[in-house]
Amino acid sequence: MAKRFPIHPAKPELICWGCDKYCPADSMACGNGSDRTQHPVELFGPDWHSFGLNQSNEELDSSSTDGQGTTDKTDD
């Protein structure tokens, strides 16, 4: 069974997040000599886990406009 993935780890820079082992960054067991895999909070910020998931229907509708208030659809 896979370990639960932490949403906000205390010090994400100390761990490699590439697999379920979560090895220390200076002693990776599964790596091929490359750099450690960063946690998403390091790459995308503290709200990484909710990115794109909390849009309401109104926000989705407004994102389909071309910036001028009109949609790409043609009215018949």
PDB file of N, CA and C in Angstrom:
ATOM      1  N   MET A   1       0.842  -1.180   0.000  1.00  0.00           N
ATOM      2  CA  MET A   1       0.000   0.000   0.000  1.00  0.00           C
ATOM      3  C   MET A   1       0.886   1.241   0.000  1.00  0.00           C
ATOM      4  N   ALA A   2       0.536   2.217  -0.775  1.00  0.00           N
ATOM      5  CA  ALA A   2       1.311   3.442  -0.882  1.00  0.00           C
ATOM      6  C   ALA A   2       1.116   4.312   0.358  1.00  0.00           C
ATOM      7  N   LYS A   3       2.141   5.056   0.694  1.00  0.00           N
ATOM      8  CA  LYS A   3       2.038   5.988   1.818  1.00  0.00           C
ATOM      9  C   LYS A   3       1.160   7.162   1.419  1.00  0.00           C
ATOM     10  N   ARG A   4       0.541   7.776   2.394  1.00  0.00           N
ATOM     11  CA  ARG A   4      -0.244   8.990   2.138  1.00  0.00           C
ATOM     12  C   ARG A   4       0.709  10.111   1.771  1.00  0.00           C
ATOM     13  N   PHE A   5       0.383  10.860   0.746  1.00  0.00           N
ATOM     14  CA  PHE A   5       1.231  11.954   0.283  1.00  0.00           C
ATOM     15  C   PHE A   5       0.898  13.208   1.072  1.00  0.00           C
ATOM     16  N   PRO A   6       1.884  13.794   1.774  1.00  0.00           N
ATOM     17  CA  PRO A   6       1.609  14.986   2.585  1.00  0.00           C
ATOM     18  C   PRO A   6       1.341  16.219   1.722  1.00  0.00           C
ATOM     19  N   ILE A   7       0.334  16.982   2.078  1.00  0.00           N
ATOM     20  CA  ILE A   7      -0.017  18.182   1.323  1.00  0.00           C
ATOM     21  C   ILE A   7       0.920  19.332   1.656  1.00  0.00           C
ATOM     22  N   HIS A   8       1.214  19.521   2.936  1.00  0.00           N
ATOM     23  CA  HIS A   8       2.099  20.601   3.383  1.00  0.00           C
ATOM     24  C   HIS A   8       3.172  20.041   4.319  1.00  0.00           C
ATOM     25  N   PRO A   9       4.229  19.431   3.778  1.00  0.00           N
ATOM     26  CA  PRO A   9       5.283  18.907   4.650  1.00  0.00           C
ATOM     27  C   PRO A   9       6.068  20.041   5.304  1.00  0.00           C
ATOM     28  N   ALA A  10       6.644  19.766   6.463  1.00  0.00           N
ATOM     29  CA  ALA A  10       7.366  20.797   7.221  1.00  0.00           C
ATOM     30  C   ALA A  10       8.608  21.293   6.476  1.00  0.00           C
ATOM     31  N   LYS A  11       9.437  20.395   6.009  1.00  0.00           N
ATOM     32  CA  LYS A  11      10.667  20.775   5.301  1.00  0.00           C
ATOM     33  C   LYS A  11      10.793  19.925   4.032  1.00  0.00           C
ATOM     34  N   PRO A  12      10.067  20.285   2.971  1.00  0.00           N
ATOM     35  CA  PRO A  12      10.050  19.439   1.772  1.00  0.00           C
ATOM     36  C   PRO A  12      11.398  19.348   1.064  1.00  0.00           C
ATOM     37  N   GLU A  13      12.270  20.307   1.287  1.00  0.00           N
ATOM     38  CA  GLU A  13      13.566  20.317   0.603  1.00  0.00           C
ATOM     39  C   GLU A  13      14.516  19.237   1.113  1.00  0.00           C
ATOM     40  N   LEU A  14      14.190  18.582   2.214  1.00  0.00           N
ATOM     41  CA  LEU A  14      15.067  17.562   2.783  1.00  0.00           C
ATOM     42  C   LEU A  14      14.760  16.152   2.284  1.00  0.00           C
ATOM     43  N   ILE A  15      13.702  15.999   1.500  1.00  0.00           N
ATOM     44  CA  ILE A  15      13.255  14.674   1.082  1.00  0.00           C
ATOM     45  C   ILE A  15      13.101  14.625  -0.431  1.00  0.00           C
ATOM     46  N   CYS A  16      13.385  13.454  -1.019  1.00  0.00           N
ATOM     47  CA  CYS A  16      13.099  13.205  -2.427  1.00  0.00           C
ATOM     48  C   CYS A  16      11.687  12.639  -2.510  1.00  0.00           C
ATOM     49  N   TRP A  17      10.844  13.229  -3.325  1.00  0.00           N
ATOM     50  CA  TRP A  17       9.433  12.850  -3.409  1.00  0.00           C
ATOM     51  C   TRP A  17       9.145  12.002  -4.641  1.00  0.00           C
ATOM     52  N   GLY A  18      10.158  11.368  -5.227  1.00  0.00           N
ATOM     53  CA  GLY A  18       9.997  10.642  -6.478  1.00  0.00           C
ATOM     54  C   GLY A  18       9.267   9.323  -6.387  1.00  0.00           C
ATOM     55  N   CYS A  19       9.220   8.699  -5.238  1.00  0.00           N
ATOM     56  CA  CYS A  19       8.526   7.412  -5.087  1.00  0.00           C
ATOM     57  C   CYS A  19       7.991   7.299  -3.659  1.00  0.00           C
ATOM     58  N   ASP A  20       7.530   6.134  -3.296  1.00  0.00           N
ATOM     59  CA  ASP A  20       6.952   5.936  -1.962  1.00  0.00           C
ATOM     60  C   ASP A  20       7.990   5.782  -0.856  1.00  0.00           C
ATOM     61  N   LYS A  21       9.272   5.776  -1.200  1.00  0.00           N
ATOM     62  CA  LYS A  21      10.306   5.614  -0.174  1.00  0.00           C
ATOM     63  C   LYS A  21      10.587   6.902   0.579  1.00  0.00           C
ATOM     64  N   TYR A  22      10.413   8.057  -0.068  1.00  0.00           N
ATOM     65  CA  TYR A  22      10.666   9.367   0.541  1.00  0.00           C
ATOM     66  C   TYR A  22      12.044   9.409   1.206  1.00  0.00           C
ATOM     67  N   CYS A  23      13.081   9.156   0.414  1.00  0.00           N
ATOM     68  CA  CYS A  23      14.456   9.102   0.915  1.00  0.00           C
ATOM     69  C   CYS A  23      14.980  10.488   1.272  1.00  0.00           C
ATOM     70  N   PRO A  24      15.971  10.557   2.163  1.00  0.00           N
ATOM     71  CA  PRO A  24      16.644  11.831   2.415  1.00  0.00           C
ATOM     72  C   PRO A  24      17.299  12.327   1.123  1.00  0.00           C
ATOM     73  N   ALA A  25      17.341  13.620   0.928  1.00  0.00           N
ATOM     74  CA  ALA A  25      17.862  14.194  -0.314  1.00  0.00           C
ATOM     75  C   ALA A  25      19.320  13.836  -0.554  1.00  0.00           C
ATOM     76  N   ASP A  26      20.078  13.557   0.506  1.00  0.00           N
ATOM     77  CA  ASP A  26      21.496  13.236   0.331  1.00  0.00           C
ATOM     78  C   ASP A  26      21.760  11.732   0.310  1.00  0.00           C
ATOM     79  N   SER A  27      20.709  10.905   0.323  1.00  0.00           N
ATOM     80  CA  SER A  27      20.882   9.457   0.318  1.00  0.00           C
ATOM     81  C   SER A  27      19.700   8.780  -0.380  1.00  0.00           C
ATOM     82  N   MET A  28      19.553   9.040  -1.682  1.00  0.00           N
ATOM     83  CA  MET A  28      18.426   8.490  -2.425  1.00  0.00           C
ATOM     84  C   MET A  28      18.693   7.042  -2.809  1.00  0.00           C
ATOM     85  N   ALA A  29      17.778   6.155  -2.461  1.00  0.00           N
ATOM     86  CA  ALA A  29      17.939   4.729  -2.736  1.00  0.00           C
ATOM     87  C   ALA A  29      17.554   4.369  -4.168  1.00  0.00           C
ATOM     88  N   CYS A  30      16.584   5.039  -4.751  1.00  0.00           N
ATOM     89  CA  CYS A  30      16.093   4.661  -6.066  1.00  0.00           C
ATOM     90  C   CYS A  30      16.595   5.561  -7.187  1.00  0.00           C
ATOM     91  N   GLY A  31      17.307   6.621  -6.867  1.00  0.00           N
ATOM     92  CA  GLY A  31      17.741   7.562  -7.885  1.00  0.00           C
ATOM     93  C   GLY A  31      18.843   7.011  -8.765  1.00  0.00           C
ATOM     94  N   ASN A  32      18.996   7.610  -9.918  1.00  0.00           N
ATOM     95  CA  ASN A  32      20.037   7.198 -10.836  1.00  0.00           C
ATOM     96  C   ASN A  32      21.199   8.197 -10.807  1.00  0.00           C
ATOM     97  N   GLY A  33      21.383   8.822  -9.683  1.00  0.00           N
ATOM     98  CA  GLY A  33      22.442   9.818  -9.559  1.00  0.00           C
ATOM     99  C   GLY A  33      21.989  11.216  -9.911  1.00  0.00           C
ATOM    100  N   SER A  34      20.727  11.372 -10.224  1.00  0.00           N
ATOM    101  CA  SER A  34      20.218  12.684 -10.587  1.00  0.00           C
ATOM    102  C   SER A  34      19.754  13.439  -9.344  1.00  0.00           C
ATOM    103  N   ASP A  35      19.206  14.616  -9.557  1.00  0.00           N
ATOM    104  CA  ASP A  35      18.685  15.427  -8.450  1.00  0.00           C
ATOM    105  C   ASP A  35      17.419  14.801  -7.891  1.00  0.00           C
ATOM    106  N   ARG A  36      17.074  15.263  -6.712  1.00  0.00           N
ATOM    107  CA  ARG A  36      15.867  14.761  -6.073  1.00  0.00           C
ATOM    108  C   ARG A  36      14.628  15.318  -6.767  1.00  0.00           C
ATOM    109  N   THR A  37      13.520  14.621  -6.618  1.00  0.00           N
ATOM    110  CA  THR A  37      12.231  15.090  -7.131  1.00  0.00           C
ATOM    111  C   THR A  37      11.634  16.038  -6.111  1.00  0.00           C
ATOM    112  N   GLN A  38      11.280  17.235  -6.557  1.00  0.00           N
ATOM    113  CA  GLN A  38      10.738  18.232  -5.648  1.00  0.00           C
ATOM    114  C   GLN A  38       9.281  17.951  -5.333  1.00  0.00           C
ATOM    115  N   HIS A  39       8.863  18.398  -4.159  1.00  0.00           N
ATOM    116  CA  HIS A  39       7.467  18.315  -3.749  1.00  0.00           C
ATOM    117  C   HIS A  39       6.689  19.378  -4.528  1.00  0.00           C
ATOM    118  N   PRO A  40       5.430  19.119  -4.886  1.00  0.00           N
ATOM    119  CA  PRO A  40       4.650  20.112  -5.626  1.00  0.00           C
ATOM    120  C   PRO A  40       4.535  21.471  -4.936  1.00  0.00           C
ATOM    121  N   VAL A  41       4.586  21.511  -3.606  1.00  0.00           N
ATOM    122  CA  VAL A  41       4.515  22.799  -2.915  1.00  0.00           C
ATOM    123  C   VAL A  41       5.740  23.657  -3.247  1.00  0.00           C
ATOM    124  N   GLU A  42       6.872  23.034  -3.550  1.00  0.00           N
ATOM    125  CA  GLU A  42       8.071  23.773  -3.944  1.00  0.00           C
ATOM    126  C   GLU A  42       7.947  24.317  -5.363  1.00  0.00           C
ATOM    127  N   LEU A  43       7.232  23.607  -6.200  1.00  0.00           N
ATOM    128  CA  LEU A  43       7.106  24.010  -7.597  1.00  0.00           C
ATOM    129  C   LEU A  43       5.947  24.965  -7.854  1.00  0.00           C
ATOM    130  N   PHE A  44       4.802  24.703  -7.226  1.00  0.00           N
ATOM    131  CA  PHE A  44       3.584  25.430  -7.557  1.00  0.00           C
ATOM    132  C   PHE A  44       3.024  26.302  -6.443  1.00  0.00           C
ATOM    133  N   GLY A  45       3.617  26.267  -5.259  1.00  0.00           N
ATOM    134  CA  GLY A  45       3.153  27.094  -4.157  1.00  0.00           C
ATOM    135  C   GLY A  45       2.242  26.357  -3.199  1.00  0.00           C
ATOM    136  N   PRO A  46       1.846  27.009  -2.115  1.00  0.00           N
ATOM    137  CA  PRO A  46       1.100  26.346  -1.054  1.00  0.00           C
ATOM    138  C   PRO A  46      -0.309  25.894  -1.440  1.00  0.00           C
ATOM    139  N   ASP A  47      -0.888  26.430  -2.506  1.00  0.00           N
ATOM    140  CA  ASP A  47      -2.233  25.997  -2.905  1.00  0.00           C
ATOM    141  C   ASP A  47      -2.199  25.021  -4.076  1.00  0.00           C
ATOM    142  N   TRP A  48      -1.108  24.281  -4.215  1.00  0.00           N
ATOM    143  CA  TRP A  48      -0.920  23.362  -5.341  1.00  0.00           C
ATOM    144  C   TRP A  48      -1.993  22.285  -5.405  1.00  0.00           C
ATOM    145  N   HIS A  49      -2.476  21.826  -4.262  1.00  0.00           N
ATOM    146  CA  HIS A  49      -3.427  20.715  -4.220  1.00  0.00           C
ATOM    147  C   HIS A  49      -4.833  21.089  -4.671  1.00  0.00           C
ATOM    148  N   SER A  50      -5.133  22.373  -4.734  1.00  0.00           N
ATOM    149  CA  SER A  50      -6.466  22.787  -5.149  1.00  0.00           C
ATOM    150  C   SER A  50      -6.459  23.515  -6.488  1.00  0.00           C
ATOM    151  N   PHE A  51      -5.345  23.547  -7.166  1.00  0.00           N
ATOM    152  CA  PHE A  51      -5.240  24.269  -8.431  1.00  0.00           C
ATOM    153  C   PHE A  51      -6.161  23.654  -9.483  1.00  0.00           C
ATOM    154  N   GLY A  52      -7.075  24.444 -10.005  1.00  0.00           N
ATOM    155  CA  GLY A  52      -7.962  24.002 -11.058  1.00  0.00           C
ATOM    156  C   GLY A  52      -9.144  23.176 -10.611  1.00  0.00           C
ATOM    157  N   LEU A  53      -9.278  22.892  -9.343  1.00  0.00           N
ATOM    158  CA  LEU A  53     -10.362  22.033  -8.880  1.00  0.00           C
ATOM    159  C   LEU A  53     -11.544  22.788  -8.304  1.00  0.00           C
ATOM    160  N   ASN A  54     -11.354  24.031  -7.920  1.00  0.00           N
ATOM    161  CA  ASN A  54     -12.405  24.764  -7.219  1.00  0.00           C
ATOM    162  C   ASN A  54     -13.077  25.820  -8.091  1.00  0.00           C
ATOM    163  N   GLN A  55     -13.134  25.604  -9.380  1.00  0.00           N
ATOM    164  CA  GLN A  55     -13.778  26.582 -10.245  1.00  0.00           C
ATOM    165  C   GLN A  55     -15.277  26.319 -10.286  1.00  0.00           C
ATOM    166  N   SER A  56     -16.038  27.376 -10.159  1.00  0.00           N
ATOM    167  CA  SER A  56     -17.489  27.236 -10.258  1.00  0.00           C
ATOM    168  C   SER A  56     -17.878  27.250 -11.736  1.00  0.00           C
ATOM    169  N   ASN A  57     -19.127  26.970 -12.018  1.00  0.00           N
ATOM    170  CA  ASN A  57     -19.597  26.990 -13.401  1.00  0.00           C
ATOM    171  C   ASN A  57     -19.476  28.374 -14.014  1.00  0.00           C
ATOM    172  N   GLU A  58     -19.699  29.434 -13.228  1.00  0.00           N
ATOM    173  CA  GLU A  58     -19.562  30.798 -13.739  1.00  0.00           C
ATOM    174  C   GLU A  58     -18.121  31.089 -14.147  1.00  0.00           C
ATOM    175  N   GLU A  59     -17.164  30.642 -13.336  1.00  0.00           N
ATOM    176  CA  GLU A  59     -15.764  30.858 -13.677  1.00  0.00           C
ATOM    177  C   GLU A  59     -15.391  30.083 -14.926  1.00  0.00           C
ATOM    178  N   LEU A  60     -15.922  28.862 -15.074  1.00  0.00           N
ATOM    179  CA  LEU A  60     -15.642  28.072 -16.267  1.00  0.00           C
ATOM    180  C   LEU A  60     -16.244  28.728 -17.498  1.00  0.00           C
ATOM    181  N   ASP A  61     -17.459  29.281 -17.373  1.00  0.00           N
ATOM    182  CA  ASP A  61     -18.097  29.956 -18.497  1.00  0.00           C
ATOM    183  C   ASP A  61     -17.334  31.204 -18.900  1.00  0.00           C
ATOM    184  N   SER A  62     -16.855  31.971 -17.923  1.00  0.00           N
ATOM    185  CA  SER A  62     -16.125  33.198 -18.252  1.00  0.00           C
ATOM    186  C   SER A  62     -14.758  32.906 -18.845  1.00  0.00           C
ATOM    187  N   SER A  63     -14.194  31.737 -18.549  1.00  0.00           N
ATOM    188  CA  SER A  63     -12.891  31.397 -19.125  1.00  0.00           C
ATOM    189  C   SER A  63     -13.022  30.961 -20.574  1.00  0.00           C
ATOM    190  N   SER A  64     -14.237  30.677 -21.051  1.00  0.00           N
ATOM    191  CA  SER A  64     -14.427  30.265 -22.438  1.00  0.00           C
ATOM    192  C   SER A  64     -14.684  31.451 -23.359  1.00  0.00           C
ATOM    193  N   THR A  65     -14.696  32.669 -22.832  1.00  0.00           N
ATOM    194  CA  THR A  65     -14.885  33.845 -23.679  1.00  0.00           C
ATOM    195  C   THR A  65     -13.561  34.244 -24.299  1.00  0.00           C
ATOM    196  N   ASP A  66     -13.639  35.054 -25.340  1.00  0.00           N
ATOM    197  CA  ASP A  66     -12.421  35.452 -26.049  1.00  0.00           C
ATOM    198  C   ASP A  66     -11.819  36.742 -25.530  1.00  0.00           C
ATOM    199  N   GLY A  67     -12.232  37.189 -24.347  1.00  0.00           N
ATOM    200  CA  GLY A  67     -11.676  38.402 -23.760  1.00  0.00           C
ATOM    201  C   GLY A  67     -12.518  39.628 -24.080  1.00  0.00           C
ATOM    202  N   GLN A  68     -13.451  39.538 -25.021  1.00  0.00           N
ATOM    203  CA  GLN A  68     -14.290  40.666 -25.400  1.00  0.00           C
ATOM    204  C   GLN A  68     -15.721  40.464 -24.937  1.00  0.00           C
ATOM    205  N   GLY A  69     -15.933  39.426 -24.116  1.00  0.00           N
ATOM    206  CA  GLY A  69     -17.274  39.180 -23.621  1.00  0.00           C
ATOM    207  C   GLY A  69     -18.087  38.295 -24.540  1.00  0.00           C
ATOM    208  N   THR A  70     -17.523  37.860 -25.650  1.00  0.00           N
ATOM    209  CA  THR A  70     -18.243  36.978 -26.549  1.00  0.00           C
ATOM    210  C   THR A  70     -17.617  35.600 -26.512  1.00  0.00           C
ATOM    211  N   THR A  71     -18.437  34.609 -26.748  1.00  0.00           N
ATOM    212  CA  THR A  71     -17.936  33.259 -26.754  1.00  0.00           C
ATOM    213  C   THR A  71     -17.560  32.852 -28.162  1.00  0.00           C
ATOM    214  N   ASP A  72     -16.901  31.714 -28.274  1.00  0.00           N
ATOM    215  CA  ASP A  72     -16.507  31.208 -29.582  1.00  0.00           C
ATOM    216  C   ASP A  72     -17.658  30.576 -30.329  1.00  0.00           C
ATOM    217  N   LYS A  73     -18.761  30.322 -29.636  1.00  0.00           N
ATOM    218  CA  LYS A  73     -19.929  29.692 -30.258  1.00  0.00           C
ATOM    219  C   LYS A  73     -20.674  30.704 -31.116  1.00  0.00           C
ATOM    220  N   THR A  74     -21.305  30.215 -32.143  1.00  0.00           N
ATOM    221  CA  THR A  74     -22.137  31.099 -32.977  1.00  0.00           C
ATOM    222  C   THR A  74     -23.590  30.830 -32.637  1.00  0.00           C
ATOM    223  N   ASP A  75     -24.376  31.873 -32.539  1.00  0.00           N
ATOM    224  CA  ASP A  75     -25.803  31.737 -32.249  1.00  0.00           C
ATOM    225  C   ASP A  75     -26.558  31.571 -33.545  1.00  0.00           C
ATOM    226  N   ASP A  76     -27.433  30.558 -33.589  1.00  0.00           N
ATOM    227  CA  ASP A  76     -28.223  30.302 -34.793  1.00  0.00           C
ATOM    228  C   ASP A  76     -29.604  30.846 -34.652  1.00  0.00           C
TER     229      ASP A  76
END
